[in-house]
Amino acid sequence: MLELDLENLDLSFDDKFLENEKLTWLPWVGVNFQSANPRTLVLGESTYNWSPSSETVQERIKKNDHLRLIHQNNAIKFKGQSKYARNFERATFNTKKLTPLKAKELWHSVVYHNLVLRCMKNLKSRPKYDDYVAGWHETFKLFELLNVDQCVCYGLEDKKIQAFKDVAGLGNYKFEVQTFLKIGKNTPRIITLNINERTIKIAFIRHPSSFFSWRKWAVFIQQHTPVITLTSASSATSTQPTTE
């Protein structure tokens, strides 16, 4: 397994991340994120225990940089057919042909985090409603800490969206839900959330890992939550590695 390449990351939020014991893994914060406008959080769903019999894998999962390393290997290193990354890149840039340079440009410009805070036992396992509730509690904190302007959330499950509403209700946050014409068999949603006088737009899209019509979703994303990417590292404010 490759080592984490810190030059891709902005580590300036790590002290705050480490204060939160419920944040199982450190979010991926691209080196250009703080200079991006709008600031975008890409919210995946979960990670998987792909080799339960391997002690090496089990030790890796326990480390707080696990999500970052997995995302680097799947998104930045550009060696696999990681559909959750490749299809989202296609929708972001509205192009089929991608290059490692364009992939890096995207993931340097955003935060990537997983909503579910525990590792799924296998590829067939699915998160429970309580997983989504716990995840939204911590994601709302990330919205504030990172001054996020918009979020693109993978997945349209009813229980995921209901958990969002329930957590927002517990925090007395105002929000408005908009539904749109179906894209294929899926109904995209936009939730506009108000937190401490700040407005955050959350777009719920089909999970890009399977049966994802990126051309159609590109129109929706570019219309409602366009991701503005930067081509140079202009905001690397920390170069010290994360302690574990």
C-alpha atoms as a PDB file:
ATOM      1  CA  MET A   1       0.000   0.000   0.000  1.00  0.00           C
ATOM      2  CA  LEU A   2       1.290   3.451  -0.899  1.00  0.00           C
ATOM      3  CA  GLU A   3       2.329   5.951   1.725  1.00  0.00           C
ATOM      4  CA  LEU A   4       0.370   9.167   2.191  1.00  0.00           C
ATOM      5  CA  ASP A   5       1.756  12.010   0.078  1.00  0.00           C
ATOM      6  CA  LEU A   6       1.327  15.100   2.260  1.00  0.00           C
ATOM      7  CA  GLU A   7       1.937  17.576  -0.553  1.00  0.00           C
ATOM      8  CA  ASN A   8      -1.639  16.919  -1.738  1.00  0.00           C
ATOM      9  CA  LEU A   9      -3.141  18.021   1.571  1.00  0.00           C
ATOM     10  CA  ASP A  10      -3.863  21.051   3.703  1.00  0.00           C
ATOM     11  CA  LEU A  11      -3.121  19.935   7.276  1.00  0.00           C
ATOM     12  CA  SER A  12      -4.028  23.206   8.972  1.00  0.00           C
ATOM     13  CA  PHE A  13      -7.358  21.858  10.302  1.00  0.00           C
ATOM     14  CA  ASP A  14      -5.877  18.689  11.788  1.00  0.00           C
ATOM     15  CA  ASP A  15      -5.569  19.948  15.343  1.00  0.00           C
ATOM     16  CA  LYS A  16      -9.298  20.685  15.359  1.00  0.00           C
ATOM     17  CA  PHE A  17     -10.105  17.342  13.742  1.00  0.00           C
ATOM     18  CA  LEU A  18      -8.080  15.525  16.385  1.00  0.00           C
ATOM     19  CA  GLU A  19     -10.049  17.202  19.174  1.00  0.00           C
ATOM     20  CA  ASN A  20     -13.154  15.358  17.986  1.00  0.00           C
ATOM     21  CA  GLU A  21     -12.997  11.753  19.194  1.00  0.00           C
ATOM     22  CA  LYS A  22     -16.094  10.848  17.156  1.00  0.00           C
ATOM     23  CA  LEU A  23     -14.337  11.663  13.895  1.00  0.00           C
ATOM     24  CA  THR A  24     -12.968   8.194  13.160  1.00  0.00           C
ATOM     25  CA  TRP A  25     -10.809   9.257  10.229  1.00  0.00           C
ATOM     26  CA  LEU A  26      -9.353  12.603   9.253  1.00  0.00           C
ATOM     27  CA  PRO A  27     -11.139  14.149   6.259  1.00  0.00           C
ATOM     28  CA  TRP A  28      -9.236  14.705   3.038  1.00  0.00           C
ATOM     29  CA  VAL A  29      -8.650  18.468   2.730  1.00  0.00           C
ATOM     30  CA  GLY A  30      -7.147  19.360  -0.632  1.00  0.00           C
ATOM     31  CA  VAL A  31      -4.146  21.653  -0.615  1.00  0.00           C
ATOM     32  CA  ASN A  32      -6.071  24.351  -2.537  1.00  0.00           C
ATOM     33  CA  PHE A  33      -9.348  24.035  -0.639  1.00  0.00           C
ATOM     34  CA  GLN A  34      -9.078  27.267   1.342  1.00  0.00           C
ATOM     35  CA  SER A  35      -8.544  29.291  -1.842  1.00  0.00           C
ATOM     36  CA  ALA A  36     -11.492  27.738  -3.672  1.00  0.00           C
ATOM     37  CA  ASN A  37     -14.697  29.714  -4.130  1.00  0.00           C
ATOM     38  CA  PRO A  38     -17.156  28.243  -3.438  1.00  0.00           C
ATOM     39  CA  ARG A  39     -15.715  25.872  -0.863  1.00  0.00           C
ATOM     40  CA  THR A  40     -16.971  22.369  -1.625  1.00  0.00           C
ATOM     41  CA  LEU A  41     -17.292  19.277   0.556  1.00  0.00           C
ATOM     42  CA  VAL A  42     -17.723  16.055  -1.422  1.00  0.00           C
ATOM     43  CA  LEU A  43     -19.462  13.617   0.903  1.00  0.00           C
ATOM     44  CA  GLY A  44     -19.034   9.946   0.122  1.00  0.00           C
ATOM     45  CA  GLU A  45     -20.715   7.177   2.054  1.00  0.00           C
ATOM     46  CA  SER A  46     -18.499   4.512   3.601  1.00  0.00           C
ATOM     47  CA  THR A  47     -15.293   2.517   3.548  1.00  0.00           C
ATOM     48  CA  TYR A  48     -15.077  -1.284   3.586  1.00  0.00           C
ATOM     49  CA  ASN A  49     -13.037  -3.928   5.330  1.00  0.00           C
ATOM     50  CA  TRP A  50     -11.757  -5.591   2.159  1.00  0.00           C
ATOM     51  CA  SER A  51      -9.579  -8.198   3.886  1.00  0.00           C
ATOM     52  CA  PRO A  52     -10.813  -9.174   7.379  1.00  0.00           C
ATOM     53  CA  SER A  53      -8.171 -11.912   7.700  1.00  0.00           C
ATOM     54  CA  SER A  54      -5.258  -9.536   7.119  1.00  0.00           C
ATOM     55  CA  GLU A  55      -3.700  -8.071  10.257  1.00  0.00           C
ATOM     56  CA  THR A  56      -2.005  -5.437   8.119  1.00  0.00           C
ATOM     57  CA  VAL A  57      -5.349  -4.255   6.756  1.00  0.00           C
ATOM     58  CA  GLN A  58      -6.925  -4.235  10.218  1.00  0.00           C
ATOM     59  CA  GLU A  59      -4.095  -2.104  11.587  1.00  0.00           C
ATOM     60  CA  ARG A  60      -4.372   0.250   8.616  1.00  0.00           C
ATOM     61  CA  ILE A  61      -8.120   0.742   9.172  1.00  0.00           C
ATOM     62  CA  LYS A  62      -7.468   1.737  12.793  1.00  0.00           C
ATOM     63  CA  LYS A  63      -5.202   4.618  11.790  1.00  0.00           C
ATOM     64  CA  ASN A  64      -6.769   8.043  11.585  1.00  0.00           C
ATOM     65  CA  ASP A  65      -5.312   8.762   8.139  1.00  0.00           C
ATOM     66  CA  HIS A  66      -6.977   5.668   6.643  1.00  0.00           C
ATOM     67  CA  LEU A  67      -9.606   7.606   4.670  1.00  0.00           C
ATOM     68  CA  ARG A  68      -6.954   9.931   3.278  1.00  0.00           C
ATOM     69  CA  LEU A  69      -4.772   7.062   2.110  1.00  0.00           C
ATOM     70  CA  ILE A  70      -7.680   5.203   0.537  1.00  0.00           C
ATOM     71  CA  HIS A  71      -8.794   8.353  -1.263  1.00  0.00           C
ATOM     72  CA  GLN A  72      -5.271   9.097  -2.446  1.00  0.00           C
ATOM     73  CA  ASN A  73      -4.904   5.571  -3.830  1.00  0.00           C
ATOM     74  CA  ASN A  74      -8.274   5.676  -5.580  1.00  0.00           C
ATOM     75  CA  ALA A  75      -8.485   9.297  -6.706  1.00  0.00           C
ATOM     76  CA  ILE A  76      -5.064  10.939  -6.891  1.00  0.00           C
ATOM     77  CA  LYS A  77      -2.881   8.000  -7.946  1.00  0.00           C
ATOM     78  CA  PHE A  78      -5.265   7.303 -10.837  1.00  0.00           C
ATOM     79  CA  LYS A  79      -4.278   3.644 -11.236  1.00  0.00           C
ATOM     80  CA  GLY A  80      -7.600   1.917 -10.638  1.00  0.00           C
ATOM     81  CA  GLN A  81     -11.099   2.043 -12.030  1.00  0.00           C
ATOM     82  CA  SER A  82     -12.488   3.666  -8.894  1.00  0.00           C
ATOM     83  CA  LYS A  83     -15.881   4.680 -10.195  1.00  0.00           C
ATOM     84  CA  TYR A  84     -16.784   6.838  -7.187  1.00  0.00           C
ATOM     85  CA  ALA A  85     -13.880   9.095  -8.135  1.00  0.00           C
ATOM     86  CA  ARG A  86     -13.740   8.772 -11.934  1.00  0.00           C
ATOM     87  CA  ASN A  87     -17.465   9.274 -12.524  1.00  0.00           C
ATOM     88  CA  PHE A  88     -17.628  12.278 -10.229  1.00  0.00           C
ATOM     89  CA  GLU A  89     -14.654  13.780 -12.057  1.00  0.00           C
ATOM     90  CA  ARG A  90     -16.437  13.232 -15.377  1.00  0.00           C
ATOM     91  CA  ALA A  91     -19.553  14.949 -14.058  1.00  0.00           C
ATOM     92  CA  THR A  92     -17.518  17.832 -12.603  1.00  0.00           C
ATOM     93  CA  PHE A  93     -15.652  18.541 -15.834  1.00  0.00           C
ATOM     94  CA  ASN A  94     -18.376  17.199 -18.160  1.00  0.00           C
ATOM     95  CA  THR A  95     -15.895  15.116 -20.103  1.00  0.00           C
ATOM     96  CA  LYS A  96     -15.305  11.409 -20.600  1.00  0.00           C
ATOM     97  CA  LYS A  97     -11.559  11.594 -21.086  1.00  0.00           C
ATOM     98  CA  LEU A  98      -9.776  12.314 -17.838  1.00  0.00           C
ATOM     99  CA  THR A  99      -6.112  12.793 -17.040  1.00  0.00           C
ATOM    100  CA  PRO A 100      -4.195  12.383 -13.776  1.00  0.00           C
ATOM    101  CA  LEU A 101      -3.601  16.136 -13.851  1.00  0.00           C
ATOM    102  CA  LYS A 102      -7.322  16.935 -13.982  1.00  0.00           C
ATOM    103  CA  ALA A 103      -8.064  14.421 -11.242  1.00  0.00           C
ATOM    104  CA  LYS A 104      -5.467  16.025  -9.017  1.00  0.00           C
ATOM    105  CA  GLU A 105      -6.844  19.470  -9.853  1.00  0.00           C
ATOM    106  CA  LEU A 106     -10.268  18.430  -8.559  1.00  0.00           C
ATOM    107  CA  TRP A 107      -9.188  16.652  -5.389  1.00  0.00           C
ATOM    108  CA  HIS A 108      -6.735  19.419  -4.527  1.00  0.00           C
ATOM    109  CA  SER A 109      -9.664  21.870  -4.567  1.00  0.00           C
ATOM    110  CA  VAL A 110     -12.209  20.132  -2.323  1.00  0.00           C
ATOM    111  CA  VAL A 111     -12.698  18.310   0.955  1.00  0.00           C
ATOM    112  CA  TYR A 112     -13.589  14.624   0.716  1.00  0.00           C
ATOM    113  CA  HIS A 113     -15.199  12.910   3.683  1.00  0.00           C
ATOM    114  CA  ASN A 114     -17.358   9.842   4.306  1.00  0.00           C
ATOM    115  CA  LEU A 115     -20.699  10.225   6.044  1.00  0.00           C
ATOM    116  CA  VAL A 116     -20.516   6.815   7.760  1.00  0.00           C
ATOM    117  CA  LEU A 117     -17.988   6.811  10.579  1.00  0.00           C
ATOM    118  CA  ARG A 118     -17.423   3.070  10.862  1.00  0.00           C
ATOM    119  CA  CYS A 119     -15.989   0.554   8.427  1.00  0.00           C
ATOM    120  CA  MET A 120     -18.506  -1.715   6.682  1.00  0.00           C
ATOM    121  CA  LYS A 121     -17.775  -5.417   7.212  1.00  0.00           C
ATOM    122  CA  ASN A 122     -17.912  -6.235   3.504  1.00  0.00           C
ATOM    123  CA  LEU A 123     -19.080  -4.849   0.163  1.00  0.00           C
ATOM    124  CA  LYS A 124     -22.617  -6.126   0.733  1.00  0.00           C
ATOM    125  CA  SER A 125     -23.035  -4.378   4.091  1.00  0.00           C
ATOM    126  CA  ARG A 126     -25.204  -1.289   4.188  1.00  0.00           C
ATOM    127  CA  PRO A 127     -25.224   1.578   6.709  1.00  0.00           C
ATOM    128  CA  LYS A 128     -28.093   1.827   9.162  1.00  0.00           C
ATOM    129  CA  TYR A 129     -30.208   4.872   9.933  1.00  0.00           C
ATOM    130  CA  ASP A 130     -28.219   5.411  13.146  1.00  0.00           C
ATOM    131  CA  ASP A 131     -24.992   5.470  11.101  1.00  0.00           C
ATOM    132  CA  TYR A 132     -26.375   8.319   9.041  1.00  0.00           C
ATOM    133  CA  VAL A 133     -27.539  10.217  12.124  1.00  0.00           C
ATOM    134  CA  ALA A 134     -24.109   9.925  13.745  1.00  0.00           C
ATOM    135  CA  GLY A 135     -22.452  10.929  10.493  1.00  0.00           C
ATOM    136  CA  TRP A 136     -24.606  14.009   9.942  1.00  0.00           C
ATOM    137  CA  HIS A 137     -23.890  15.221  13.483  1.00  0.00           C
ATOM    138  CA  GLU A 138     -20.178  15.311  12.664  1.00  0.00           C
ATOM    139  CA  THR A 139     -20.685  16.586   9.117  1.00  0.00           C
ATOM    140  CA  PHE A 140     -22.627  19.588  10.412  1.00  0.00           C
ATOM    141  CA  LYS A 141     -19.597  20.364  12.587  1.00  0.00           C
ATOM    142  CA  LEU A 142     -17.368  20.135   9.509  1.00  0.00           C
ATOM    143  CA  PHE A 143     -19.647  22.540   7.639  1.00  0.00           C
ATOM    144  CA  GLU A 144     -18.915  25.153  10.296  1.00  0.00           C
ATOM    145  CA  LEU A 145     -15.255  24.385  10.929  1.00  0.00           C
ATOM    146  CA  LEU A 146     -14.343  24.412   7.244  1.00  0.00           C
ATOM    147  CA  ASN A 147     -16.669  27.284   6.253  1.00  0.00           C
ATOM    148  CA  VAL A 148     -18.208  25.108   3.579  1.00  0.00           C
ATOM    149  CA  ASP A 149     -20.402  26.816   0.978  1.00  0.00           C
ATOM    150  CA  GLN A 150     -21.756  23.720  -0.709  1.00  0.00           C
ATOM    151  CA  CYS A 151     -21.774  19.960  -0.382  1.00  0.00           C
ATOM    152  CA  VAL A 152     -22.298  17.206  -2.941  1.00  0.00           C
ATOM    153  CA  CYS A 153     -23.577  14.111  -1.169  1.00  0.00           C
ATOM    154  CA  TYR A 154     -23.336  10.663  -2.759  1.00  0.00           C
ATOM    155  CA  GLY A 155     -26.551   8.697  -2.419  1.00  0.00           C
ATOM    156  CA  LEU A 156     -30.304   9.345  -2.437  1.00  0.00           C
ATOM    157  CA  GLU A 157     -31.564   6.850   0.153  1.00  0.00           C
ATOM    158  CA  ASP A 158     -34.633   8.045   2.014  1.00  0.00           C
ATOM    159  CA  LYS A 159     -33.136   7.165   5.402  1.00  0.00           C
ATOM    160  CA  LYS A 160     -30.013   9.197   4.624  1.00  0.00           C
ATOM    161  CA  ILE A 161     -32.090  12.280   3.803  1.00  0.00           C
ATOM    162  CA  GLN A 162     -34.434  11.684   6.740  1.00  0.00           C
ATOM    163  CA  ALA A 163     -31.438  11.450   9.075  1.00  0.00           C
ATOM    164  CA  PHE A 164     -30.243  14.812   7.738  1.00  0.00           C
ATOM    165  CA  LYS A 165     -33.632  16.366   8.505  1.00  0.00           C
ATOM    166  CA  ASP A 166     -33.715  14.855  11.982  1.00  0.00           C
ATOM    167  CA  VAL A 167     -30.224  16.101  12.883  1.00  0.00           C
ATOM    168  CA  ALA A 168     -31.030  19.555  11.517  1.00  0.00           C
ATOM    169  CA  GLY A 169     -34.196  19.556  13.617  1.00  0.00           C
ATOM    170  CA  LEU A 170     -32.291  18.643  16.770  1.00  0.00           C
ATOM    171  CA  GLY A 171     -29.998  21.615  16.160  1.00  0.00           C
ATOM    172  CA  ASN A 172     -32.934  23.923  15.386  1.00  0.00           C
ATOM    173  CA  TYR A 173     -31.383  24.656  12.007  1.00  0.00           C
ATOM    174  CA  LYS A 174     -33.675  25.957   9.302  1.00  0.00           C
ATOM    175  CA  PHE A 175     -33.608  24.177   5.980  1.00  0.00           C
ATOM    176  CA  GLU A 176     -35.535  23.984   2.738  1.00  0.00           C
ATOM    177  CA  VAL A 177     -35.844  20.923   0.517  1.00  0.00           C
ATOM    178  CA  GLN A 178     -36.195  21.099  -3.264  1.00  0.00           C
ATOM    179  CA  THR A 179     -36.861  18.112  -5.503  1.00  0.00           C
ATOM    180  CA  PHE A 180     -36.140  18.080  -9.223  1.00  0.00           C
ATOM    181  CA  LEU A 181     -37.136  16.129 -12.300  1.00  0.00           C
ATOM    182  CA  LYS A 182     -35.831  12.592 -12.309  1.00  0.00           C
ATOM    183  CA  ILE A 183     -32.490  11.765 -13.825  1.00  0.00           C
ATOM    184  CA  GLY A 184     -33.081   8.236 -15.017  1.00  0.00           C
ATOM    185  CA  LYS A 185     -34.909   6.584 -12.127  1.00  0.00           C
ATOM    186  CA  ASN A 186     -33.477   8.935  -9.491  1.00  0.00           C
ATOM    187  CA  THR A 187     -34.879  12.121  -8.027  1.00  0.00           C
ATOM    188  CA  PRO A 188     -32.130  14.616  -7.145  1.00  0.00           C
ATOM    189  CA  ARG A 189     -32.626  16.924  -4.202  1.00  0.00           C
ATOM    190  CA  ILE A 190     -31.145  20.169  -3.001  1.00  0.00           C
ATOM    191  CA  ILE A 191     -31.345  21.077   0.678  1.00  0.00           C
ATOM    192  CA  THR A 192     -30.524  24.666   1.597  1.00  0.00           C
ATOM    193  CA  LEU A 193     -29.333  24.726   5.196  1.00  0.00           C
ATOM    194  CA  ASN A 194     -28.855  27.748   7.448  1.00  0.00           C
ATOM    195  CA  ILE A 195     -26.229  27.431  10.192  1.00  0.00           C
ATOM    196  CA  ASN A 196     -25.357  30.465  12.299  1.00  0.00           C
ATOM    197  CA  GLU A 197     -26.414  32.934   9.591  1.00  0.00           C
ATOM    198  CA  ARG A 198     -24.554  31.011   6.904  1.00  0.00           C
ATOM    199  CA  THR A 199     -26.266  29.295   4.000  1.00  0.00           C
ATOM    200  CA  ILE A 200     -24.996  25.933   2.760  1.00  0.00           C
ATOM    201  CA  LYS A 201     -26.356  24.170  -0.310  1.00  0.00           C
ATOM    202  CA  ILE A 202     -26.344  20.362  -0.182  1.00  0.00           C
ATOM    203  CA  ALA A 203     -26.941  18.464  -3.418  1.00  0.00           C
ATOM    204  CA  PHE A 204     -27.967  14.815  -3.107  1.00  0.00           C
ATOM    205  CA  ILE A 205     -26.994  12.847  -6.226  1.00  0.00           C
ATOM    206  CA  ARG A 206     -26.952   9.214  -7.234  1.00  0.00           C
ATOM    207  CA  HIS A 207     -23.896   7.456  -5.873  1.00  0.00           C
ATOM    208  CA  PRO A 208     -21.397   7.595  -8.757  1.00  0.00           C
ATOM    209  CA  SER A 209     -19.995   4.111  -8.130  1.00  0.00           C
ATOM    210  CA  SER A 210     -22.660   2.355 -10.235  1.00  0.00           C
ATOM    211  CA  PHE A 211     -25.250   3.060 -12.943  1.00  0.00           C
ATOM    212  CA  PHE A 212     -24.247   6.717 -12.939  1.00  0.00           C
ATOM    213  CA  SER A 213     -25.099   8.680 -16.091  1.00  0.00           C
ATOM    214  CA  TRP A 214     -22.362  11.243 -15.656  1.00  0.00           C
ATOM    215  CA  ARG A 215     -23.417  13.318 -18.683  1.00  0.00           C
ATOM    216  CA  LYS A 216     -26.883  13.876 -17.211  1.00  0.00           C
ATOM    217  CA  TRP A 217     -25.607  14.455 -13.689  1.00  0.00           C
ATOM    218  CA  ALA A 218     -23.012  16.895 -15.042  1.00  0.00           C
ATOM    219  CA  VAL A 219     -25.826  19.202 -16.125  1.00  0.00           C
ATOM    220  CA  PHE A 220     -27.397  19.079 -12.665  1.00  0.00           C
ATOM    221  CA  ILE A 221     -24.129  19.575 -10.772  1.00  0.00           C
ATOM    222  CA  GLN A 222     -22.911  22.396 -12.979  1.00  0.00           C
ATOM    223  CA  GLN A 223     -26.250  24.154 -12.668  1.00  0.00           C
ATOM    224  CA  HIS A 224     -26.699  23.847  -8.907  1.00  0.00           C
ATOM    225  CA  THR A 225     -23.346  23.094  -7.210  1.00  0.00           C
ATOM    226  CA  PRO A 226     -20.557  23.782  -9.712  1.00  0.00           C
ATOM    227  CA  VAL A 227     -17.144  22.792  -8.359  1.00  0.00           C
ATOM    228  CA  ILE A 228     -14.576  25.475  -9.126  1.00  0.00           C
ATOM    229  CA  THR A 229     -11.114  23.931  -9.248  1.00  0.00           C
ATOM    230  CA  LEU A 230      -7.705  25.556  -8.924  1.00  0.00           C
ATOM    231  CA  THR A 231      -4.680  24.578 -10.952  1.00  0.00           C
ATOM    232  CA  SER A 232      -1.921  25.641  -8.564  1.00  0.00           C
ATOM    233  CA  ALA A 233      -1.238  25.002  -4.891  1.00  0.00           C
ATOM    234  CA  SER A 234      -1.833  28.447  -3.440  1.00  0.00           C
ATOM    235  CA  SER A 235      -2.950  27.661   0.087  1.00  0.00           C
ATOM    236  CA  ALA A 236      -0.776  24.948   1.598  1.00  0.00           C
ATOM    237  CA  THR A 237      -0.680  26.373   5.104  1.00  0.00           C
ATOM    238  CA  SER A 238       0.780  23.379   6.921  1.00  0.00           C
ATOM    239  CA  THR A 239       3.475  20.879   6.045  1.00  0.00           C
ATOM    240  CA  GLN A 240       3.723  18.908   9.267  1.00  0.00           C
ATOM    241  CA  PRO A 241       2.470  15.285   9.197  1.00  0.00           C
ATOM    242  CA  THR A 242      -0.497  14.207  11.279  1.00  0.00           C
ATOM    243  CA  THR A 243       0.369  12.505  14.550  1.00  0.00           C
ATOM    244  CA  GLU A 244      -1.322   9.221  15.340  1.00  0.00           C
END
